[in-house]
Amino acid sequence: MLGKINANWILCLWGRFYGLVSSSFGQRTINTSLTLPTELPTGDYDFQTFGSFNSVLVIASPPDSVNELYFGERSGRIIVYSDVENSIREETPFLQIPSTVTTNGENGLLGLAFHPEYQENGYFFK
């Protein structure tokens, strides 16, 4: 099933098929100024396990917060570590909305942002 399709998209697709539309979808040009490293950096890395989560899709920190992280799980639960350095996790989730979050396919709680004045107004965006 295709779901909702924009009429302009269909006309553009039809026009491209019959050669009727000059394209804003034209040929892509190669970026010749981009330089990539020829080899990966090497070294000793120390990976540490941090916390216990289920499908974290977003990590955010409120403005002016140095040691506090919010972990948004796909299911709609946001877990807070109020002291990251000492691995102190709040017992109660910051937000838990599994009934309003669709998790099939590529869905889930995909974003979390804090208002620049979050400390004063408590506004955040999901």
C-alpha atoms as a PDB file:
ATOM      1  CA  MET A   1       0.000   0.000   0.000  1.00  0.00           C
ATOM      2  CA  LEU A   2       1.338   3.407  -0.966  1.00  0.00           C
ATOM      3  CA  GLY A   3      -0.551   5.488   1.564  1.00  0.00           C
ATOM      4  CA  LYS A   4      -1.043   9.182   0.836  1.00  0.00           C
ATOM      5  CA  ILE A   5       0.771  10.427  -2.238  1.00  0.00           C
ATOM      6  CA  ASN A   6       1.126  14.088  -3.096  1.00  0.00           C
ATOM      7  CA  ALA A   7      -0.492  14.935  -6.466  1.00  0.00           C
ATOM      8  CA  ASN A   8       2.507  17.093  -7.445  1.00  0.00           C
ATOM      9  CA  TRP A   9       4.782  14.122  -6.857  1.00  0.00           C
ATOM     10  CA  ILE A  10       2.679  11.953  -9.208  1.00  0.00           C
ATOM     11  CA  LEU A  11       2.631  14.666 -11.901  1.00  0.00           C
ATOM     12  CA  CYS A  12       6.360  15.153 -11.594  1.00  0.00           C
ATOM     13  CA  LEU A  13       6.981  11.401 -11.772  1.00  0.00           C
ATOM     14  CA  TRP A  14       4.673  11.101 -14.793  1.00  0.00           C
ATOM     15  CA  GLY A  15       6.352  14.069 -16.443  1.00  0.00           C
ATOM     16  CA  ARG A  16       9.811  12.626 -15.856  1.00  0.00           C
ATOM     17  CA  PHE A  17       8.685   9.319 -17.355  1.00  0.00           C
ATOM     18  CA  TYR A  18       7.437  11.011 -20.509  1.00  0.00           C
ATOM     19  CA  GLY A  19      10.216  13.598 -20.603  1.00  0.00           C
ATOM     20  CA  LEU A  20       7.876  16.513 -20.014  1.00  0.00           C
ATOM     21  CA  VAL A  21       9.438  18.042 -16.918  1.00  0.00           C
ATOM     22  CA  SER A  22      12.750  19.815 -16.928  1.00  0.00           C
ATOM     23  CA  SER A  23      14.206  18.666 -13.750  1.00  0.00           C
ATOM     24  CA  SER A  24      14.975  20.071 -10.423  1.00  0.00           C
ATOM     25  CA  PHE A  25      15.727  16.386  -9.833  1.00  0.00           C
ATOM     26  CA  GLY A  26      18.475  16.526 -12.477  1.00  0.00           C
ATOM     27  CA  GLN A  27      21.756  14.686 -12.499  1.00  0.00           C
ATOM     28  CA  ARG A  28      23.766  14.809  -9.312  1.00  0.00           C
ATOM     29  CA  THR A  29      27.192  16.346  -9.560  1.00  0.00           C
ATOM     30  CA  ILE A  30      30.195  14.787  -7.929  1.00  0.00           C
ATOM     31  CA  ASN A  31      31.803  16.753  -5.094  1.00  0.00           C
ATOM     32  CA  THR A  32      35.420  16.949  -6.227  1.00  0.00           C
ATOM     33  CA  SER A  33      36.570  19.146  -3.332  1.00  0.00           C
ATOM     34  CA  LEU A  34      35.731  16.613  -0.609  1.00  0.00           C
ATOM     35  CA  THR A  35      38.736  14.847   0.848  1.00  0.00           C
ATOM     36  CA  LEU A  36      38.366  11.790   3.017  1.00  0.00           C
ATOM     37  CA  PRO A  37      41.015  10.142   5.198  1.00  0.00           C
ATOM     38  CA  THR A  38      42.796   7.284   3.483  1.00  0.00           C
ATOM     39  CA  GLU A  39      42.995   5.193   6.656  1.00  0.00           C
ATOM     40  CA  LEU A  40      41.190   5.033   9.974  1.00  0.00           C
ATOM     41  CA  PRO A  41      42.840   6.350  13.146  1.00  0.00           C
ATOM     42  CA  THR A  42      44.354   3.710  15.354  1.00  0.00           C
ATOM     43  CA  GLY A  43      44.943   3.633  19.069  1.00  0.00           C
ATOM     44  CA  ASP A  44      43.821   2.132  22.297  1.00  0.00           C
ATOM     45  CA  TYR A  45      40.217   2.881  23.117  1.00  0.00           C
ATOM     46  CA  ASP A  46      38.598   2.186  26.440  1.00  0.00           C
ATOM     47  CA  PHE A  47      34.900   1.461  25.979  1.00  0.00           C
ATOM     48  CA  GLN A  48      32.789   1.367  29.082  1.00  0.00           C
ATOM     49  CA  THR A  49      29.260   0.120  29.542  1.00  0.00           C
ATOM     50  CA  PHE A  50      26.975   2.869  30.746  1.00  0.00           C
ATOM     51  CA  GLY A  51      23.473   2.219  32.005  1.00  0.00           C
ATOM     52  CA  SER A  52      20.825  -0.231  30.944  1.00  0.00           C
ATOM     53  CA  PHE A  53      18.618   0.835  28.051  1.00  0.00           C
ATOM     54  CA  ASN A  54      16.270  -0.486  25.402  1.00  0.00           C
ATOM     55  CA  SER A  55      16.828   0.987  21.928  1.00  0.00           C
ATOM     56  CA  VAL A  56      18.060   4.488  22.744  1.00  0.00           C
ATOM     57  CA  LEU A  57      17.461   6.744  19.731  1.00  0.00           C
ATOM     58  CA  VAL A  58      18.194  10.153  21.203  1.00  0.00           C
ATOM     59  CA  ILE A  59      20.444  11.616  23.872  1.00  0.00           C
ATOM     60  CA  ALA A  60      20.005  15.205  24.987  1.00  0.00           C
ATOM     61  CA  SER A  61      21.105  17.542  27.730  1.00  0.00           C
ATOM     62  CA  PRO A  62      19.325  20.668  28.952  1.00  0.00           C
ATOM     63  CA  PRO A  63      21.061  24.008  28.362  1.00  0.00           C
ATOM     64  CA  ASP A  64      23.551  24.934  31.080  1.00  0.00           C
ATOM     65  CA  SER A  65      23.544  21.363  32.383  1.00  0.00           C
ATOM     66  CA  VAL A  66      27.003  19.864  32.610  1.00  0.00           C
ATOM     67  CA  ASN A  67      26.493  16.439  34.124  1.00  0.00           C
ATOM     68  CA  GLU A  68      22.877  15.541  33.276  1.00  0.00           C
ATOM     69  CA  LEU A  69      21.759  13.439  30.289  1.00  0.00           C
ATOM     70  CA  TYR A  70      18.332  12.411  29.033  1.00  0.00           C
ATOM     71  CA  PHE A  71      18.123   9.144  27.076  1.00  0.00           C
ATOM     72  CA  GLY A  72      15.073   8.739  24.838  1.00  0.00           C
ATOM     73  CA  GLU A  73      14.128   5.153  24.109  1.00  0.00           C
ATOM     74  CA  ARG A  74      12.236   4.089  21.038  1.00  0.00           C
ATOM     75  CA  SER A  75       9.265   3.001  23.194  1.00  0.00           C
ATOM     76  CA  GLY A  76       8.592   6.553  24.406  1.00  0.00           C
ATOM     77  CA  ARG A  77      10.389   6.409  27.728  1.00  0.00           C
ATOM     78  CA  ILE A  78      12.936   9.087  28.658  1.00  0.00           C
ATOM     79  CA  ILE A  79      15.432   8.104  31.330  1.00  0.00           C
ATOM     80  CA  VAL A  80      17.440  10.705  33.235  1.00  0.00           C
ATOM     81  CA  TYR A  81      20.942  10.356  34.565  1.00  0.00           C
ATOM     82  CA  SER A  82      21.196  13.329  36.915  1.00  0.00           C
ATOM     83  CA  ASP A  83      24.881  12.667  37.587  1.00  0.00           C
ATOM     84  CA  VAL A  84      26.604  11.006  34.638  1.00  0.00           C
ATOM     85  CA  GLU A  85      30.049  10.926  36.233  1.00  0.00           C
ATOM     86  CA  ASN A  86      28.762   8.823  39.144  1.00  0.00           C
ATOM     87  CA  SER A  87      26.159   6.884  37.074  1.00  0.00           C
ATOM     88  CA  ILE A  88      23.239   8.172  39.145  1.00  0.00           C
ATOM     89  CA  ARG A  89      19.995   7.318  37.404  1.00  0.00           C
ATOM     90  CA  GLU A  90      16.677   8.788  38.500  1.00  0.00           C
ATOM     91  CA  GLU A  91      14.267   6.064  39.619  1.00  0.00           C
ATOM     92  CA  THR A  92      11.260   7.601  37.888  1.00  0.00           C
ATOM     93  CA  PRO A  93      11.425   8.166  34.111  1.00  0.00           C
ATOM     94  CA  PHE A  94      11.238  11.799  33.009  1.00  0.00           C
ATOM     95  CA  LEU A  95       8.523  10.840  30.530  1.00  0.00           C
ATOM     96  CA  GLN A  96       6.784   7.583  29.721  1.00  0.00           C
ATOM     97  CA  ILE A  97       4.337   7.676  26.786  1.00  0.00           C
ATOM     98  CA  PRO A  98       4.307   4.225  25.146  1.00  0.00           C
ATOM     99  CA  SER A  99       0.598   4.465  24.292  1.00  0.00           C
ATOM    100  CA  THR A 100       1.195   7.536  22.089  1.00  0.00           C
ATOM    101  CA  VAL A 101       4.365   6.335  20.341  1.00  0.00           C
ATOM    102  CA  THR A 102       4.204   4.007  17.352  1.00  0.00           C
ATOM    103  CA  THR A 103       7.168   1.645  17.293  1.00  0.00           C
ATOM    104  CA  ASN A 104       6.548  -0.442  14.179  1.00  0.00           C
ATOM    105  CA  GLY A 105       8.918  -0.038  11.241  1.00  0.00           C
ATOM    106  CA  GLU A 106      11.244   2.923  11.692  1.00  0.00           C
ATOM    107  CA  ASN A 107       8.977   4.742  14.126  1.00  0.00           C
ATOM    108  CA  GLY A 108       9.481   5.550  17.783  1.00  0.00           C
ATOM    109  CA  LEU A 109      10.505   8.472  19.949  1.00  0.00           C
ATOM    110  CA  LEU A 110      12.929  10.006  17.461  1.00  0.00           C
ATOM    111  CA  GLY A 111      13.769  13.359  18.991  1.00  0.00           C
ATOM    112  CA  LEU A 112      14.134  15.366  22.149  1.00  0.00           C
ATOM    113  CA  ALA A 113      15.117  19.002  22.488  1.00  0.00           C
ATOM    114  CA  PHE A 114      15.108  21.467  25.341  1.00  0.00           C
ATOM    115  CA  HIS A 115      13.998  25.074  25.147  1.00  0.00           C
ATOM    116  CA  PRO A 116      16.949  27.479  25.528  1.00  0.00           C
ATOM    117  CA  GLU A 117      15.354  28.707  28.768  1.00  0.00           C
ATOM    118  CA  TYR A 118      14.417  25.218  29.998  1.00  0.00           C
ATOM    119  CA  GLN A 119      15.724  25.898  33.518  1.00  0.00           C
ATOM    120  CA  GLU A 120      13.159  28.717  33.886  1.00  0.00           C
ATOM    121  CA  ASN A 121      10.146  27.484  31.886  1.00  0.00           C
ATOM    122  CA  GLY A 122      10.507  23.662  31.821  1.00  0.00           C
ATOM    123  CA  TYR A 123       9.659  23.444  28.101  1.00  0.00           C
ATOM    124  CA  PHE A 124      10.973  20.515  26.123  1.00  0.00           C
ATOM    125  CA  PHE A 125      10.032  19.143  22.729  1.00  0.00           C
ATOM    126  CA  LYS A 126       9.631  15.534  21.649  1.00  0.00           C
END
